[in-house]
C-alpha atoms as a PDB file:
ATOM      1  CA  LEU A   1      63.096  66.033  78.692  1.00  0.00           C
ATOM      2  CA  LYS A   2      62.816  68.009  75.441  1.00  0.00           C
ATOM      3  CA  TYR A   3      65.867  66.332  74.195  1.00  0.00           C
ATOM      4  CA  MET A   4      64.889  62.820  75.553  1.00  0.00           C
ATOM      5  CA  LEU A   5      61.804  62.768  73.841  1.00  0.00           C
ATOM      6  CA  PRO A   6      62.471  62.487  70.012  1.00  0.00           C
ATOM      7  CA  ARG A   7      64.621  59.842  71.614  1.00  0.00           C
ATOM      8  CA  LEU A   8      62.397  57.483  72.614  1.00  0.00           C
ATOM      9  CA  THR A   9      62.196  54.214  70.520  1.00  0.00           C
ATOM     10  CA  GLY A  10      60.245  51.361  71.267  1.00  0.00           C
ATOM     11  CA  LYS A  11      60.731  47.799  71.143  1.00  0.00           C
ATOM     12  CA  GLY A  12      59.161  44.186  71.630  1.00  0.00           C
ATOM     13  CA  SER A  13      56.459  44.643  74.220  1.00  0.00           C
ATOM     14  CA  ALA A  14      56.712  48.247  74.024  1.00  0.00           C
ATOM     15  CA  MET A  15      55.086  48.357  71.118  1.00  0.00           C
ATOM     16  CA  SER A  16      51.960  46.110  71.905  1.00  0.00           C
ATOM     17  CA  ARG A  17      48.742  47.762  72.775  1.00  0.00           C
ATOM     18  CA  LEU A  18      47.777  48.488  76.105  1.00  0.00           C
ATOM     19  CA  ALA A  19      43.717  48.353  76.816  1.00  0.00           C
ATOM     20  CA  GLY A  20      42.165  51.906  76.814  1.00  0.00           C
ATOM     21  CA  GLY A  21      40.015  52.944  79.737  1.00  0.00           C
ATOM     22  CA  ILE A  22      39.021  55.570  81.881  1.00  0.00           C
ATOM     23  CA  GLY A  23      42.810  55.386  83.251  1.00  0.00           C
ATOM     24  CA  GLY A  24      44.004  57.832  81.144  1.00  0.00           C
ATOM     25  CA  ARG A  25      45.340  55.631  78.418  1.00  0.00           C
ATOM     26  CA  GLY A  26      43.961  56.294  75.206  1.00  0.00           C
ATOM     27  CA  PRO A  27      42.446  53.423  73.388  1.00  0.00           C
ATOM     28  CA  GLY A  28      44.976  51.306  72.040  1.00  0.00           C
ATOM     29  CA  GLU A  29      47.885  53.293  72.718  1.00  0.00           C
ATOM     30  CA  THR A  30      51.278  51.270  72.836  1.00  0.00           C
ATOM     31  CA  LYS A  31      53.754  51.632  75.808  1.00  0.00           C
ATOM     32  CA  LEU A  32      56.096  53.993  73.706  1.00  0.00           C
ATOM     33  CA  GLU A  33      53.203  56.425  73.069  1.00  0.00           C
ATOM     34  CA  VAL A  34      52.111  56.323  76.715  1.00  0.00           C
ATOM     35  CA  ASP A  35      55.589  57.534  77.145  1.00  0.00           C
ATOM     36  CA  ARG A  36      55.821  59.908  75.106  1.00  0.00           C
ATOM     37  CA  ARG A  37      52.453  61.554  76.233  1.00  0.00           C
ATOM     38  CA  ARG A  38      53.446  61.351  79.769  1.00  0.00           C
ATOM     39  CA  VAL A  39      57.129  63.213  78.649  1.00  0.00           C
ATOM     40  CA  LYS A  40      55.006  66.116  76.815  1.00  0.00           C
ATOM     41  CA  GLU A  41      52.618  66.542  79.738  1.00  0.00           C
ATOM     42  CA  ARG A  42      55.567  66.723  82.171  1.00  0.00           C
ATOM     43  CA  ILE A  43      57.275  69.612  79.560  1.00  0.00           C
ATOM     44  CA  HIS A  44      54.103  71.410  79.603  1.00  0.00           C
ATOM     45  CA  HIS A  45      54.444  71.313  83.341  1.00  0.00           C
ATOM     46  CA  ILE A  46      57.689  72.511  83.906  1.00  0.00           C
ATOM     47  CA  GLU A  47      57.470  75.228  81.183  1.00  0.00           C
ATOM     48  CA  SER A  48      54.508  76.314  83.259  1.00  0.00           C
ATOM     49  CA  GLN A  49      56.637  76.465  86.729  1.00  0.00           C
ATOM     50  CA  LEU A  50      59.623  78.240  84.495  1.00  0.00           C
ATOM     51  CA  LYS A  51      57.301  81.155  83.722  1.00  0.00           C
ATOM     52  CA  GLU A  52      56.889  81.792  87.368  1.00  0.00           C
ATOM     53  CA  VAL A  53      60.162  81.152  88.308  1.00  0.00           C
ATOM     54  CA  ARG A  54      61.190  84.321  85.517  1.00  0.00           C
ATOM     55  CA  LYS A  55      58.552  86.372  87.180  1.00  0.00           C
ATOM     56  CA  ALA A  56      60.035  85.748  90.365  1.00  0.00           C
ATOM     57  CA  ARG A  57      63.664  86.624  88.689  1.00  0.00           C
ATOM     58  CA  ALA A  58      62.427  89.501  87.552  1.00  0.00           C
ATOM     59  CA  VAL A  59      61.201  91.128  90.672  1.00  0.00           C
ATOM     60  CA  GLN A  60      64.524  90.071  92.510  1.00  0.00           C
ATOM     61  CA  LYS A  61      66.717  91.605  89.553  1.00  0.00           C
ATOM     62  CA  LYS A  62      65.033  95.131  90.003  1.00  0.00           C
ATOM     63  CA  LYS A  63      65.572  94.919  93.325  1.00  0.00           C
ATOM     64  CA  ARG A  64      69.214  94.204  93.283  1.00  0.00           C
ATOM     65  CA  LEU A  65      69.787  97.110  90.889  1.00  0.00           C
ATOM     66  CA  GLN A  66      68.261  99.525  92.797  1.00  0.00           C
ATOM     67  CA  ARG A  67      70.670  98.723  95.579  1.00  0.00           C
ATOM     68  CA  HIS A  68      73.742  99.093  93.118  1.00  0.00           C
ATOM     69  CA  VAL A  69      75.309  95.782  94.773  1.00  0.00           C
ATOM     70  CA  PRO A  70      77.911  94.309  92.727  1.00  0.00           C
ATOM     71  CA  ILE A  71      77.091  91.009  91.177  1.00  0.00           C
ATOM     72  CA  VAL A  72      79.350  87.976  91.101  1.00  0.00           C
ATOM     73  CA  SER A  73      78.443  84.850  89.263  1.00  0.00           C
ATOM     74  CA  ILE A  74      80.129  81.528  89.400  1.00  0.00           C
ATOM     75  CA  VAL A  75      80.487  79.814  86.229  1.00  0.00           C
ATOM     76  CA  GLY A  76      82.117  76.082  85.363  1.00  0.00           C
ATOM     77  CA  TYR A  77      82.219  72.868  83.922  1.00  0.00           C
ATOM     78  CA  THR A  78      80.354  70.177  85.834  1.00  0.00           C
ATOM     79  CA  ASN A  79      81.771  69.220  88.990  1.00  0.00           C
ATOM     80  CA  ALA A  80      84.570  71.921  89.262  1.00  0.00           C
ATOM     81  CA  GLY A  81      83.224  72.750  92.816  1.00  0.00           C
ATOM     82  CA  LYS A  82      81.253  75.907  92.190  1.00  0.00           C
ATOM     83  CA  SER A  83      78.758  74.690  94.514  1.00  0.00           C
ATOM     84  CA  THR A  84      81.329  74.044  97.301  1.00  0.00           C
ATOM     85  CA  LEU A  85      82.862  77.186  96.427  1.00  0.00           C
ATOM     86  CA  LEU A  86      79.897  79.175  97.468  1.00  0.00           C
ATOM     87  CA  ASN A  87      78.978  77.151 100.419  1.00  0.00           C
ATOM     88  CA  ASN A  88      82.822  77.626 102.032  1.00  0.00           C
ATOM     89  CA  LEU A  89      82.891  81.469 100.983  1.00  0.00           C
ATOM     90  CA  THR A  90      79.100  82.177 102.434  1.00  0.00           C
ATOM     91  CA  ASN A  91      78.970  79.674 105.017  1.00  0.00           C
ATOM     92  CA  SER A  92      76.041  78.633 103.374  1.00  0.00           C
ATOM     93  CA  ASP A  93      74.442  74.816 102.264  1.00  0.00           C
ATOM     94  CA  THR A  94      74.371  74.860  98.553  1.00  0.00           C
ATOM     95  CA  TYR A  95      73.334  71.193  97.304  1.00  0.00           C
ATOM     96  CA  VAL A  96      76.753  69.641  96.209  1.00  0.00           C
ATOM     97  CA  GLU A  97      77.006  66.526  94.179  1.00  0.00           C
ATOM     98  CA  GLN A  98      79.389  65.045  91.911  1.00  0.00           C
ATOM     99  CA  ARG A  99      76.923  64.705  88.871  1.00  0.00           C
ATOM    100  CA  MET A 100      75.832  66.457  86.246  1.00  0.00           C
ATOM    101  CA  PHE A 101      73.714  69.700  86.787  1.00  0.00           C
ATOM    102  CA  ALA A 102      73.279  68.769  90.467  1.00  0.00           C
ATOM    103  CA  THR A 103      72.783  72.406  90.446  1.00  0.00           C
ATOM    104  CA  LEU A 104      70.008  73.268  87.924  1.00  0.00           C
ATOM    105  CA  ASP A 105      68.746  76.722  89.294  1.00  0.00           C
ATOM    106  CA  THR A 106      71.111  79.697  90.578  1.00  0.00           C
ATOM    107  CA  THR A 107      71.820  79.969  94.072  1.00  0.00           C
ATOM    108  CA  THR A 108      72.289  83.638  95.354  1.00  0.00           C
ATOM    109  CA  ARG A 109      74.206  84.566  98.736  1.00  0.00           C
ATOM    110  CA  ARG A 110      75.643  87.804 100.221  1.00  0.00           C
ATOM    111  CA  LEU A 111      79.602  88.382 100.826  1.00  0.00           C
ATOM    112  CA  ARG A 112      80.960  91.325 103.207  1.00  0.00           C
ATOM    113  CA  PHE A 113      83.610  93.408 102.260  1.00  0.00           C
ATOM    114  CA  PRO A 114      85.651  95.826 104.484  1.00  0.00           C
ATOM    115  CA  LYS A 115      84.530  99.422 104.396  1.00  0.00           C
ATOM    116  CA  ASP A 116      80.750  98.413 104.470  1.00  0.00           C
ATOM    117  CA  ARG A 117      80.509  96.701 100.830  1.00  0.00           C
ATOM    118  CA  GLU A 118      78.959  93.572  99.990  1.00  0.00           C
ATOM    119  CA  ILE A 119      78.185  91.484  96.789  1.00  0.00           C
ATOM    120  CA  ILE A 120      75.877  89.409  95.600  1.00  0.00           C
ATOM    121  CA  ILE A 121      77.330  86.229  94.701  1.00  0.00           C
ATOM    122  CA  THR A 122      75.324  83.166  92.405  1.00  0.00           C
ATOM    123  CA  ASP A 123      76.344  79.931  91.756  1.00  0.00           C
ATOM    124  CA  THR A 124      75.312  78.574  87.991  1.00  0.00           C
ATOM    125  CA  VAL A 125      74.257  75.345  86.348  1.00  0.00           C
ATOM    126  CA  GLY A 126      77.621  73.549  85.521  1.00  0.00           C
ATOM    127  CA  PHE A 127      78.491  73.255  81.441  1.00  0.00           C
ATOM    128  CA  ILE A 128      79.448  70.342  79.686  1.00  0.00           C
ATOM    129  CA  ARG A 129      81.090  69.838  76.552  1.00  0.00           C
ATOM    130  CA  ASP A 130      78.793  70.106  72.983  1.00  0.00           C
ATOM    131  CA  LEU A 131      75.822  71.205  75.349  1.00  0.00           C
ATOM    132  CA  PRO A 132      73.166  70.259  72.951  1.00  0.00           C
ATOM    133  CA  GLU A 133      70.828  73.054  71.533  1.00  0.00           C
ATOM    134  CA  GLU A 134      67.836  71.664  73.344  1.00  0.00           C
ATOM    135  CA  LEU A 135      69.389  72.306  76.763  1.00  0.00           C
ATOM    136  CA  VAL A 136      71.112  75.068  75.989  1.00  0.00           C
ATOM    137  CA  ASP A 137      67.442  76.508  75.517  1.00  0.00           C
ATOM    138  CA  ALA A 138      66.543  74.780  78.426  1.00  0.00           C
ATOM    139  CA  PHE A 139      69.063  76.213  80.469  1.00  0.00           C
ATOM    140  CA  ARG A 140      68.401  79.833  79.095  1.00  0.00           C
ATOM    141  CA  ALA A 141      66.700  81.095  81.626  1.00  0.00           C
ATOM    142  CA  THR A 142      69.707  80.311  84.511  1.00  0.00           C
ATOM    143  CA  LEU A 143      72.447  81.235  82.305  1.00  0.00           C
ATOM    144  CA  ASP A 144      70.657  84.803  80.960  1.00  0.00           C
ATOM    145  CA  GLU A 145      71.016  85.361  85.012  1.00  0.00           C
ATOM    146  CA  LEU A 146      74.708  86.014  83.793  1.00  0.00           C
ATOM    147  CA  ASN A 147      74.155  89.064  81.638  1.00  0.00           C
ATOM    148  CA  ASP A 148      73.400  90.783  85.309  1.00  0.00           C
ATOM    149  CA  ALA A 149      76.692  89.774  86.282  1.00  0.00           C
ATOM    150  CA  ASP A 150      79.356  92.301  87.208  1.00  0.00           C
ATOM    151  CA  LEU A 151      82.371  89.599  87.096  1.00  0.00           C
ATOM    152  CA  LEU A 152      82.327  85.718  86.112  1.00  0.00           C
ATOM    153  CA  VAL A 153      84.372  83.412  88.432  1.00  0.00           C
ATOM    154  CA  HIS A 154      85.297  80.713  85.931  1.00  0.00           C
ATOM    155  CA  VAL A 155      85.953  77.721  88.413  1.00  0.00           C
ATOM    156  CA  VAL A 156      88.278  75.321  86.769  1.00  0.00           C
ATOM    157  CA  ASP A 157      89.059  71.813  88.173  1.00  0.00           C
ATOM    158  CA  ILE A 158      92.856  71.783  87.631  1.00  0.00           C
ATOM    159  CA  SER A 159      92.789  67.893  89.030  1.00  0.00           C
ATOM    160  CA  SER A 160      90.812  67.074  85.823  1.00  0.00           C
ATOM    161  CA  PRO A 161      93.391  65.567  83.061  1.00  0.00           C
ATOM    162  CA  ARG A 162      90.935  67.540  80.557  1.00  0.00           C
ATOM    163  CA  PHE A 163      90.833  70.737  82.356  1.00  0.00           C
ATOM    164  CA  GLU A 164      92.023  73.223  79.255  1.00  0.00           C
ATOM    165  CA  ALA A 165      89.354  71.118  76.984  1.00  0.00           C
ATOM    166  CA  GLN A 166      86.879  72.296  79.529  1.00  0.00           C
ATOM    167  CA  ILE A 167      87.961  75.586  80.240  1.00  0.00           C
ATOM    168  CA  GLU A 168      87.604  76.041  76.248  1.00  0.00           C
ATOM    169  CA  SER A 169      83.872  74.482  76.425  1.00  0.00           C
ATOM    170  CA  VAL A 170      82.949  77.026  79.302  1.00  0.00           C
ATOM    171  CA  GLU A 171      84.427  80.002  77.115  1.00  0.00           C
ATOM    172  CA  ARG A 172      82.693  78.772  73.933  1.00  0.00           C
ATOM    173  CA  ILE A 173      79.359  78.655  75.498  1.00  0.00           C
ATOM    174  CA  LEU A 174      79.960  82.078  77.267  1.00  0.00           C
ATOM    175  CA  ARG A 175      81.009  83.676  73.599  1.00  0.00           C
ATOM    176  CA  ASP A 176      77.589  81.779  72.291  1.00  0.00           C
ATOM    177  CA  LEU A 177      75.603  83.789  75.176  1.00  0.00           C
ATOM    178  CA  GLY A 178      77.367  86.944  74.217  1.00  0.00           C
ATOM    179  CA  LEU A 179      79.575  87.263  77.578  1.00  0.00           C
ATOM    180  CA  ASP A 180      82.586  86.985  76.336  1.00  0.00           C
ATOM    181  CA  GLU A 181      83.709  90.632  77.192  1.00  0.00           C
ATOM    182  CA  LYS A 182      82.570  89.959  80.383  1.00  0.00           C
ATOM    183  CA  PRO A 183      85.135  90.756  83.259  1.00  0.00           C
ATOM    184  CA  ARG A 184      86.226  87.160  84.969  1.00  0.00           C
ATOM    185  CA  ILE A 185      88.695  85.648  87.228  1.00  0.00           C
ATOM    186  CA  LEU A 186      89.799  82.262  86.084  1.00  0.00           C
ATOM    187  CA  VAL A 187      89.855  80.006  89.383  1.00  0.00           C
ATOM    188  CA  PHE A 188      91.914  76.943  89.396  1.00  0.00           C
ATOM    189  CA  ASN A 189      90.128  74.641  92.273  1.00  0.00           C
ATOM    190  CA  LYS A 190      91.304  71.500  93.756  1.00  0.00           C
ATOM    191  CA  ILE A 191      94.841  72.526  94.316  1.00  0.00           C
ATOM    192  CA  ASP A 192      94.937  69.716  97.232  1.00  0.00           C
ATOM    193  CA  LEU A 193      94.687  66.897  94.662  1.00  0.00           C
ATOM    194  CA  VAL A 194      97.710  68.074  92.409  1.00  0.00           C
ATOM    195  CA  ASP A 195     101.442  68.784  93.614  1.00  0.00           C
ATOM    196  CA  GLU A 196     102.321  72.266  93.784  1.00  0.00           C
ATOM    197  CA  GLU A 197     104.675  72.173  90.563  1.00  0.00           C
ATOM    198  CA  MET A 198     101.524  71.064  88.523  1.00  0.00           C
ATOM    199  CA  VAL A 199     100.206  74.481  90.192  1.00  0.00           C
ATOM    200  CA  ARG A 200     102.860  76.704  89.416  1.00  0.00           C
ATOM    201  CA  ASN A 201     103.095  75.316  85.973  1.00  0.00           C
ATOM    202  CA  VAL A 202      99.209  76.071  85.325  1.00  0.00           C
ATOM    203  CA  LEU A 203      99.513  79.634  86.372  1.00  0.00           C
ATOM    204  CA  ASN A 204     102.574  80.644  84.370  1.00  0.00           C
ATOM    205  CA  ARG A 205     100.470  79.532  81.719  1.00  0.00           C
ATOM    206  CA  TYR A 206      97.120  81.304  82.521  1.00  0.00           C
ATOM    207  CA  GLU A 207      96.405  84.554  84.328  1.00  0.00           C
ATOM    208  CA  GLY A 208      94.144  83.361  87.499  1.00  0.00           C
ATOM    209  CA  VAL A 209      94.700  82.018  91.123  1.00  0.00           C
ATOM    210  CA  ALA A 210      94.616  78.806  92.614  1.00  0.00           C
ATOM    211  CA  ILE A 211      92.375  77.520  95.452  1.00  0.00           C
ATOM    212  CA  SER A 212      91.100  74.432  96.927  1.00  0.00           C
ATOM    213  CA  ALA A 213      87.338  75.027  97.471  1.00  0.00           C
ATOM    214  CA  LEU A 214      87.402  72.829 100.838  1.00  0.00           C
ATOM    215  CA  ASN A 215      90.077  74.915 102.656  1.00  0.00           C
ATOM    216  CA  ARG A 216      89.022  78.746 103.598  1.00  0.00           C
ATOM    217  CA  GLU A 217      92.481  79.542 104.188  1.00  0.00           C
ATOM    218  CA  THR A 218      93.415  79.205 100.133  1.00  0.00           C
ATOM    219  CA  PHE A 219      90.694  81.921  99.409  1.00  0.00           C
ATOM    220  CA  TYR A 220      92.637  85.403  99.909  1.00  0.00           C
ATOM    221  CA  PRO A 221      94.115  85.503  96.254  1.00  0.00           C
ATOM    222  CA  LEU A 222      90.620  84.892  95.231  1.00  0.00           C
ATOM    223  CA  ILE A 223      88.913  87.999  97.525  1.00  0.00           C
ATOM    224  CA  GLU A 224      91.843  89.958  96.502  1.00  0.00           C
ATOM    225  CA  ALA A 225      91.222  89.885  92.671  1.00  0.00           C
ATOM    226  CA  ILE A 226      87.387  90.259  93.323  1.00  0.00           C
ATOM    227  CA  GLU A 227      87.891  93.433  95.217  1.00  0.00           C
ATOM    228  CA  ARG A 228      90.389  94.470  92.543  1.00  0.00           C
ATOM    229  CA  GLN A 229      88.216  93.747  89.692  1.00  0.00           C
ATOM    230  CA  LEU A 230      85.140  95.590  91.208  1.00  0.00           C
ATOM    231  CA  TRP A 231      86.416  98.424  92.807  1.00  0.00           C
ATOM    232  CA  LYS A 232      89.425  98.696  91.122  1.00  0.00           C
ATOM    233  CA  GLU A 233      91.641  99.438  94.098  1.00  0.00           C
ATOM    234  CA  GLU A 234      94.404  97.200  96.334  1.00  0.00           C
ATOM    235  CA  PRO A 235      92.651  95.045  98.732  1.00  0.00           C
ATOM    236  CA  ALA A 236      91.902  96.103 102.020  1.00  0.00           C
ATOM    237  CA  LYS A 237      94.246  94.627 104.985  1.00  0.00           C
ATOM    238  CA  GLU A 238      90.990  93.916 106.676  1.00  0.00           C
ATOM    239  CA  LYS A 239      89.832  90.335 106.399  1.00  0.00           C
ATOM    240  CA  VAL A 240      86.577  89.831 104.462  1.00  0.00           C
ATOM    241  CA  LEU A 241      83.776  88.198 106.216  1.00  0.00           C
ATOM    242  CA  ILE A 242      83.525  84.305 105.037  1.00  0.00           C
END
């Protein structure tokens, strides 16, 4: 909304005066002025809600840290398949839709490992290239949770013709957030949409793992990579409870 506000323009009827009255419009307001006022009111309402969300998150964060449970955050370009991965890793039902910012809040689940270990895994808003500063600020409450993560899982849509540029866009935003030194696993998703030779070529160029978020049988390289990163040991032979 902050991004849209200065870009609202009016032509023709939008510039004509509307009759004033008790209904909330000031005398002589144009439709453009009414639109701008309503956007400002909506911004104020959302900012008030965000304050309450930050308070609730602070309480949740304190509880998580007290339990000393590792936190893994899923990041990636928009529509990379992050929410689908979270759903199928944890048998949850996170909102999935093929559009930008379908996930506007973090979604948190638990994933249990052998040896009575578990992690907290979170899904975050999808990144886009050249994210306007106004939007970076708007999503900062969501993205700030990445500071608490012990590990980032960077999901990439390998079927996108621009996946390399998308990787760089995400890495740039992580650098801007001061998270460039945070441990991470590069996960190439949607291997069901490309041929095996392409997958091999990509894994020869990048250090990462390849999966299909729609097929849980492909998850074990990712699970093993998470175990190695978090506990610095070879993965247990027992299967993770997914």
